[in-house]
Amino acid sequence: MEADFSGYATRNNLLCSDGRTIIADAFKENDGGRVPLVWQHRHDEATNVLGHAVLENRKDGVYAYGYFNDSPAADHARYMVKHGDITALSIYANNLVEKDKNVVHGVIRELSLVLSGANPGAFIENVNLKHG
């Protein structure tokens, strides 16, 4: 099945708004893994899950392939992505290991569609949703 969209979940060696920098392979354990796709990191209610994302560890960051589910909330998010209203992505990760504000290890738990992401290189690159 073709992804509804794809883009960088996070990019390496860029200063994030929280003062941290993701180092290459920090999330290599997530390579090939599947995580929930949610709205604005709101993972406290099942209705906030919009679908899922498959993650791919790359030299320059973690790439994501997003798949929307068939819920009303996902339909609205699909519409916003299709029309370019939402372009930013963001990860929620835990089990972080940091050295001097550099994240060298962690586990991504979800990918969010966000209004503005912490990592300046995390954005949707390709949209595979058809108009009409």
C-alpha atoms as a PDB file:
ATOM      1  CA  MET A   1       0.000   0.000   0.000  1.00  0.00           C
ATOM      2  CA  GLU A   2       1.336   3.433  -0.952  1.00  0.00           C
ATOM      3  CA  ALA A   3       1.812   5.930   1.876  1.00  0.00           C
ATOM      4  CA  ASP A   4      -0.526   8.922   2.045  1.00  0.00           C
ATOM      5  CA  PHE A   5       2.476  11.177   2.655  1.00  0.00           C
ATOM      6  CA  SER A   6       6.163  11.013   3.464  1.00  0.00           C
ATOM      7  CA  GLY A   7       8.793  13.272   4.920  1.00  0.00           C
ATOM      8  CA  TYR A   8      11.381  13.660   7.616  1.00  0.00           C
ATOM      9  CA  ALA A   9      10.231  12.867  11.147  1.00  0.00           C
ATOM     10  CA  THR A  10      13.491  14.392  12.373  1.00  0.00           C
ATOM     11  CA  ARG A  11      16.744  15.524  10.802  1.00  0.00           C
ATOM     12  CA  ASN A  12      20.208  15.042  12.244  1.00  0.00           C
ATOM     13  CA  ASN A  13      22.613  17.779  13.280  1.00  0.00           C
ATOM     14  CA  LEU A  14      20.035  20.570  13.431  1.00  0.00           C
ATOM     15  CA  LEU A  15      19.448  22.545  16.608  1.00  0.00           C
ATOM     16  CA  CYS A  16      15.879  21.941  17.758  1.00  0.00           C
ATOM     17  CA  SER A  17      13.810  24.567  19.542  1.00  0.00           C
ATOM     18  CA  ASP A  18      14.233  22.641  22.824  1.00  0.00           C
ATOM     19  CA  GLY A  19      18.022  23.169  22.636  1.00  0.00           C
ATOM     20  CA  ARG A  20      18.804  19.577  21.682  1.00  0.00           C
ATOM     21  CA  THR A  21      20.483  18.228  18.552  1.00  0.00           C
ATOM     22  CA  ILE A  22      19.729  14.760  17.179  1.00  0.00           C
ATOM     23  CA  ILE A  23      22.880  12.845  16.244  1.00  0.00           C
ATOM     24  CA  ALA A  24      23.006  10.276  13.392  1.00  0.00           C
ATOM     25  CA  ASP A  25      21.649   6.839  14.326  1.00  0.00           C
ATOM     26  CA  ALA A  26      20.151   8.075  17.600  1.00  0.00           C
ATOM     27  CA  PHE A  27      16.900   6.354  16.633  1.00  0.00           C
ATOM     28  CA  LYS A  28      18.300   3.467  14.581  1.00  0.00           C
ATOM     29  CA  GLU A  29      16.315   0.980  16.681  1.00  0.00           C
ATOM     30  CA  ASN A  30      13.153   2.439  15.131  1.00  0.00           C
ATOM     31  CA  ASP A  31      14.275   1.559  11.583  1.00  0.00           C
ATOM     32  CA  GLY A  32      11.405  -0.308   9.923  1.00  0.00           C
ATOM     33  CA  GLY A  33       9.195   0.197  12.964  1.00  0.00           C
ATOM     34  CA  ARG A  34       5.619   1.393  13.065  1.00  0.00           C
ATOM     35  CA  VAL A  35       4.404   4.143  15.406  1.00  0.00           C
ATOM     36  CA  PRO A  36       1.073   5.904  15.872  1.00  0.00           C
ATOM     37  CA  LEU A  37       0.408   9.064  13.856  1.00  0.00           C
ATOM     38  CA  VAL A  38      -1.290  11.643  16.072  1.00  0.00           C
ATOM     39  CA  TRP A  39      -2.301  15.299  16.108  1.00  0.00           C
ATOM     40  CA  GLN A  40      -0.068  17.743  18.054  1.00  0.00           C
ATOM     41  CA  HIS A  41       1.399  15.029  20.361  1.00  0.00           C
ATOM     42  CA  ARG A  42      -1.993  14.406  21.923  1.00  0.00           C
ATOM     43  CA  HIS A  43      -1.636  10.716  22.561  1.00  0.00           C
ATOM     44  CA  ASP A  44      -3.843  10.611  25.652  1.00  0.00           C
ATOM     45  CA  GLU A  45      -7.057   9.637  23.793  1.00  0.00           C
ATOM     46  CA  ALA A  46      -7.604   6.960  21.186  1.00  0.00           C
ATOM     47  CA  THR A  47      -9.553   9.387  18.972  1.00  0.00           C
ATOM     48  CA  ASN A  48      -6.383  11.466  18.497  1.00  0.00           C
ATOM     49  CA  VAL A  49      -4.726   8.622  16.605  1.00  0.00           C
ATOM     50  CA  LEU A  50      -4.943   9.511  12.916  1.00  0.00           C
ATOM     51  CA  GLY A  51      -3.181   6.426  11.562  1.00  0.00           C
ATOM     52  CA  HIS A  52       0.393   5.183  11.682  1.00  0.00           C
ATOM     53  CA  ALA A  53       3.841   5.880  10.308  1.00  0.00           C
ATOM     54  CA  VAL A  54       6.599   3.516   9.221  1.00  0.00           C
ATOM     55  CA  LEU A  55      10.050   4.853  10.067  1.00  0.00           C
ATOM     56  CA  GLU A  56      13.269   4.548   8.097  1.00  0.00           C
ATOM     57  CA  ASN A  57      16.648   5.433   9.611  1.00  0.00           C
ATOM     58  CA  ARG A  58      18.765   7.365   7.109  1.00  0.00           C
ATOM     59  CA  LYS A  59      22.187   8.999   7.288  1.00  0.00           C
ATOM     60  CA  ASP A  60      20.594  12.442   7.544  1.00  0.00           C
ATOM     61  CA  GLY A  61      17.677  11.631   9.836  1.00  0.00           C
ATOM     62  CA  VAL A  62      14.587   9.498  10.293  1.00  0.00           C
ATOM     63  CA  TYR A  63      12.218   9.395   7.330  1.00  0.00           C
ATOM     64  CA  ALA A  64       8.523   8.606   7.813  1.00  0.00           C
ATOM     65  CA  TYR A  65       5.828   7.122   5.602  1.00  0.00           C
ATOM     66  CA  GLY A  66       2.412   8.181   6.921  1.00  0.00           C
ATOM     67  CA  TYR A  67      -0.851   6.289   6.526  1.00  0.00           C
ATOM     68  CA  PHE A  68      -4.170   7.788   7.579  1.00  0.00           C
ATOM     69  CA  ASN A  69      -6.939   5.632   9.022  1.00  0.00           C
ATOM     70  CA  ASP A  70     -10.644   6.061   8.168  1.00  0.00           C
ATOM     71  CA  SER A  71     -11.750   8.043  11.224  1.00  0.00           C
ATOM     72  CA  PRO A  72     -13.431  11.468  11.050  1.00  0.00           C
ATOM     73  CA  ALA A  73     -10.359  13.073  12.693  1.00  0.00           C
ATOM     74  CA  ALA A  74      -8.050  11.421  10.150  1.00  0.00           C
ATOM     75  CA  ASP A  75     -10.293  12.581   7.305  1.00  0.00           C
ATOM     76  CA  HIS A  76      -9.878  16.166   8.483  1.00  0.00           C
ATOM     77  CA  ALA A  77      -6.098  15.769   8.897  1.00  0.00           C
ATOM     78  CA  ARG A  78      -5.914  14.178   5.436  1.00  0.00           C
ATOM     79  CA  TYR A  79      -7.705  17.232   4.018  1.00  0.00           C
ATOM     80  CA  MET A  80      -5.280  19.642   5.723  1.00  0.00           C
ATOM     81  CA  VAL A  81      -2.226  17.724   4.481  1.00  0.00           C
ATOM     82  CA  LYS A  82      -3.637  17.423   0.971  1.00  0.00           C
ATOM     83  CA  HIS A  83      -4.151  21.179   0.761  1.00  0.00           C
ATOM     84  CA  GLY A  84      -0.789  22.065   2.312  1.00  0.00           C
ATOM     85  CA  ASP A  85      -2.281  23.590   5.451  1.00  0.00           C
ATOM     86  CA  ILE A  86      -0.171  21.283   7.632  1.00  0.00           C
ATOM     87  CA  THR A  87       3.412  20.569   6.572  1.00  0.00           C
ATOM     88  CA  ALA A  88       5.342  20.112   9.837  1.00  0.00           C
ATOM     89  CA  LEU A  89       6.156  16.849  11.599  1.00  0.00           C
ATOM     90  CA  SER A  90       7.429  16.172  15.104  1.00  0.00           C
ATOM     91  CA  ILE A  91       8.426  13.128  17.121  1.00  0.00           C
ATOM     92  CA  TYR A  92       7.779  12.134  20.697  1.00  0.00           C
ATOM     93  CA  ALA A  93      10.631   9.982  21.985  1.00  0.00           C
ATOM     94  CA  ASN A  94      11.730   8.618  25.325  1.00  0.00           C
ATOM     95  CA  ASN A  95      14.590   6.569  26.790  1.00  0.00           C
ATOM     96  CA  LEU A  96      16.801   9.442  25.645  1.00  0.00           C
ATOM     97  CA  VAL A  97      20.546   9.376  26.182  1.00  0.00           C
ATOM     98  CA  GLU A  98      22.082  12.830  25.891  1.00  0.00           C
ATOM     99  CA  LYS A  99      25.657  14.043  25.865  1.00  0.00           C
ATOM    100  CA  ASP A 100      26.030  17.828  26.069  1.00  0.00           C
ATOM    101  CA  LYS A 101      22.504  18.418  24.655  1.00  0.00           C
ATOM    102  CA  ASN A 102      23.165  15.950  21.813  1.00  0.00           C
ATOM    103  CA  VAL A 103      20.669  13.094  21.633  1.00  0.00           C
ATOM    104  CA  VAL A 104      22.692   9.958  20.879  1.00  0.00           C
ATOM    105  CA  HIS A 105      20.004   7.353  21.608  1.00  0.00           C
ATOM    106  CA  GLY A 106      16.273   7.165  22.084  1.00  0.00           C
ATOM    107  CA  VAL A 107      13.083   5.437  21.067  1.00  0.00           C
ATOM    108  CA  ILE A 108      10.466   7.204  18.946  1.00  0.00           C
ATOM    109  CA  ARG A 109       6.993   6.478  20.350  1.00  0.00           C
ATOM    110  CA  GLU A 110       4.823   8.554  18.003  1.00  0.00           C
ATOM    111  CA  LEU A 111       4.910  10.882  15.032  1.00  0.00           C
ATOM    112  CA  SER A 112       2.756  13.999  15.097  1.00  0.00           C
ATOM    113  CA  LEU A 113       1.307  16.312  12.536  1.00  0.00           C
ATOM    114  CA  VAL A 114       1.979  19.712  14.099  1.00  0.00           C
ATOM    115  CA  LEU A 115       1.462  23.383  13.375  1.00  0.00           C
ATOM    116  CA  SER A 116       5.156  24.036  13.976  1.00  0.00           C
ATOM    117  CA  GLY A 117       7.821  21.450  14.731  1.00  0.00           C
ATOM    118  CA  ALA A 118      10.805  21.620  17.083  1.00  0.00           C
ATOM    119  CA  ASN A 119      13.204  20.285  14.437  1.00  0.00           C
ATOM    120  CA  PRO A 120      13.526  22.700  11.491  1.00  0.00           C
ATOM    121  CA  GLY A 121      14.146  19.830   9.053  1.00  0.00           C
ATOM    122  CA  ALA A 122      11.069  17.779   9.984  1.00  0.00           C
ATOM    123  CA  PHE A 123       8.420  18.304   7.336  1.00  0.00           C
ATOM    124  CA  ILE A 124       6.211  16.586   4.798  1.00  0.00           C
ATOM    125  CA  GLU A 125       7.958  16.286   1.417  1.00  0.00           C
ATOM    126  CA  ASN A 126       5.579  14.192  -0.626  1.00  0.00           C
ATOM    127  CA  VAL A 127       1.778  14.008  -0.560  1.00  0.00           C
ATOM    128  CA  ASN A 128       0.146  11.078  -2.326  1.00  0.00           C
ATOM    129  CA  LEU A 129      -3.458  12.134  -1.769  1.00  0.00           C
ATOM    130  CA  LYS A 130      -5.517  12.755  -4.870  1.00  0.00           C
ATOM    131  CA  HIS A 131      -7.726  15.813  -5.209  1.00  0.00           C
ATOM    132  CA  GLY A 132     -11.378  15.190  -5.929  1.00  0.00           C
END
